[in-house]
Amino acid sequence: MQELYGTPDSTLDEFVSRFLAWARETESSHRCMVMVRDGLVIGMSWLAITQRVPHPSAFERISGDVQCVYVVPDERDRGPGGKLIEAVLAWARDLGLERVTVHSSDWAVSAYSRHGFEVSPRLLQVEVGQGYAG
């Protein structure tokens, strides 16, 4: 992922340690799926799950946000990304999510579109933080 986000601010060992702690703390709200080929991880996807405010006709409401679908460069354009998107959407259906959103990079919009994601005139956003420097 360094090609997307640049040089890390910490060593790989520090990042892994912090990431593992984060994953343990957020396991109830963030689900990870990995794709393995010949014993090596070649891709991953993350689904963030959010409880929504109840309304009279549906008290239990849950939505999801695909926060990452990543495939190692050598495996891109060979199908793993699409399979990960399909798997995340199947997972969302199994969990009974109302909707799933994604904030896509420009080059991945077509991949999400092929799997049913559409632009919505009612889904708005504002960027309020600085986020990562990428």
Protein backbone atom coordinates (compact mmCIF):
# COMPACT_ATOMS: atom_id res chain seq x y z
CA MET A 1 0.00 0.00 0.00
CA GLN A 2 3.04 2.21 0.07
CA GLU A 3 2.37 3.12 -3.56
CA LEU A 4 -0.90 4.73 -2.41
CA TYR A 5 0.12 6.38 0.84
CA GLY A 6 3.85 7.04 0.53
CA THR A 7 6.57 6.35 3.04
CA PRO A 8 5.27 5.42 6.49
CA ASP A 9 5.82 7.71 9.47
CA SER A 10 6.95 4.71 11.54
CA THR A 11 8.87 1.49 11.06
CA LEU A 12 7.04 -1.55 9.73
CA ASP A 13 7.24 -3.23 13.14
CA GLU A 14 5.74 -0.18 14.86
CA PHE A 15 2.95 0.04 12.30
CA VAL A 16 2.13 -3.67 12.58
CA SER A 17 2.02 -3.45 16.37
CA ARG A 18 -0.28 -0.41 16.31
CA PHE A 19 -2.43 -1.92 13.56
CA LEU A 20 -2.93 -5.18 15.46
CA ALA A 21 -4.01 -3.23 18.55
CA TRP A 22 -6.43 -1.18 16.42
CA ALA A 23 -7.86 -4.33 14.79
CA ARG A 24 -8.51 -5.91 18.20
CA GLU A 25 -10.20 -2.73 19.49
CA THR A 26 -12.46 -2.38 16.42
CA GLU A 27 -13.32 -6.00 15.67
CA SER A 28 -17.01 -5.44 16.47
CA SER A 29 -17.31 -2.62 13.92
CA HIS A 30 -14.72 -3.51 11.25
CA ARG A 31 -14.57 -6.82 9.42
CA CYS A 32 -11.59 -7.88 7.35
CA MET A 33 -11.46 -10.40 4.56
CA VAL A 34 -8.19 -11.56 3.03
CA MET A 35 -7.46 -13.39 -0.20
CA VAL A 36 -4.60 -15.88 -0.11
CA ARG A 37 -2.88 -17.58 -3.02
CA ASP A 38 -0.07 -20.11 -2.52
CA GLY A 39 0.24 -19.10 1.13
CA LEU A 40 0.63 -15.37 0.40
CA VAL A 41 -1.92 -12.64 1.05
CA ILE A 42 -2.67 -11.06 -2.33
CA GLY A 43 -5.63 -8.90 -1.35
CA MET A 44 -7.85 -7.66 1.44
CA SER A 45 -11.08 -5.83 1.99
CA TRP A 46 -12.49 -4.02 5.02
CA LEU A 47 -16.14 -3.45 5.83
CA ALA A 48 -17.04 -0.93 8.54
CA ILE A 49 -20.42 -1.60 10.12
CA THR A 50 -22.45 1.23 11.66
CA GLN A 51 -25.64 1.14 13.71
CA ARG A 52 -28.16 3.62 12.38
CA VAL A 53 -30.77 5.58 14.30
CA PRO A 54 -34.00 3.55 14.59
CA HIS A 55 -37.20 4.77 13.00
CA PRO A 56 -40.79 3.55 13.58
CA SER A 57 -40.85 1.04 10.70
CA ALA A 58 -37.35 -0.34 11.30
CA PHE A 59 -35.80 -0.32 14.73
CA GLU A 60 -32.71 -2.38 13.87
CA ARG A 61 -30.87 -0.52 11.13
CA ILE A 62 -27.30 -1.16 10.07
CA SER A 63 -25.25 0.19 7.19
CA GLY A 64 -21.78 -0.55 5.92
CA ASP A 65 -18.89 1.25 4.33
CA VAL A 66 -16.26 -0.49 2.24
CA GLN A 67 -13.17 1.19 3.60
CA CYS A 68 -10.53 -0.68 1.69
CA VAL A 69 -10.23 -3.16 -1.14
CA TYR A 70 -6.57 -3.68 -1.91
CA VAL A 71 -4.87 -6.10 -4.27
CA VAL A 72 -1.09 -6.35 -4.59
CA PRO A 73 0.13 -4.77 -7.85
CA ASP A 74 1.11 -8.05 -9.56
CA GLU A 75 -2.45 -9.41 -9.16
CA ARG A 76 -4.42 -6.38 -10.36
CA ASP A 77 -6.70 -6.64 -13.40
CA ARG A 78 -6.86 -10.43 -12.94
CA GLY A 79 -10.10 -10.67 -10.94
CA PRO A 80 -9.17 -10.71 -7.23
CA GLY A 81 -10.48 -7.18 -6.62
CA GLY A 82 -13.87 -8.02 -8.10
CA LYS A 83 -14.05 -11.21 -6.06
CA LEU A 84 -13.29 -9.25 -2.90
CA ILE A 85 -16.02 -6.71 -3.73
CA GLU A 86 -18.50 -9.56 -4.37
CA ALA A 87 -17.53 -11.20 -1.08
CA VAL A 88 -17.97 -7.95 0.88
CA LEU A 89 -21.42 -7.44 -0.65
CA ALA A 90 -22.41 -11.04 0.16
CA TRP A 91 -21.24 -10.45 3.72
CA ALA A 92 -23.32 -7.25 3.88
CA ARG A 93 -26.42 -9.12 2.68
CA ASP A 94 -25.84 -11.88 5.27
CA LEU A 95 -25.56 -9.23 8.00
CA GLY A 96 -28.79 -7.55 6.84
CA LEU A 97 -27.20 -4.19 6.07
CA GLU A 98 -29.50 -1.53 4.57
CA ARG A 99 -26.86 -0.08 2.27
CA VAL A 100 -23.16 -0.19 1.60
CA THR A 101 -21.16 2.86 0.55
CA VAL A 102 -17.63 3.27 -0.71
CA HIS A 103 -15.30 6.22 -1.14
CA SER A 104 -13.40 5.08 -4.21
CA SER A 105 -10.24 6.17 -5.92
CA ASP A 106 -10.76 7.38 -9.49
CA TRP A 107 -9.28 4.25 -11.04
CA ALA A 108 -11.50 1.87 -9.01
CA VAL A 109 -14.89 3.51 -9.72
CA SER A 110 -15.53 1.22 -12.69
CA ALA A 111 -14.83 -1.89 -10.59
CA TYR A 112 -17.39 -0.84 -7.98
CA SER A 113 -19.88 0.16 -10.71
CA ARG A 114 -19.62 -3.32 -12.25
CA HIS A 115 -20.75 -4.72 -8.91
CA GLY A 116 -23.81 -2.52 -8.49
CA PHE A 117 -22.52 0.63 -6.81
CA GLU A 118 -24.16 3.76 -8.20
CA VAL A 119 -23.78 7.49 -7.68
CA SER A 120 -26.48 8.78 -5.35
CA PRO A 121 -27.70 12.38 -5.44
CA ARG A 122 -28.72 12.04 -1.77
CA LEU A 123 -25.40 10.81 -0.37
CA LEU A 124 -23.36 13.90 0.43
CA GLN A 125 -20.05 14.37 2.17
CA VAL A 126 -17.78 17.06 3.51
CA GLU A 127 -14.11 16.58 4.31
CA VAL A 128 -13.47 18.07 7.75
CA GLY A 129 -10.08 16.58 8.63
CA GLN A 130 -6.72 16.50 7.01
CA GLY A 131 -6.55 12.67 6.78
CA TYR A 132 -3.47 11.10 5.29
CA ALA A 133 -0.98 12.96 3.13
CA GLY A 134 -1.38 11.16 -0.16
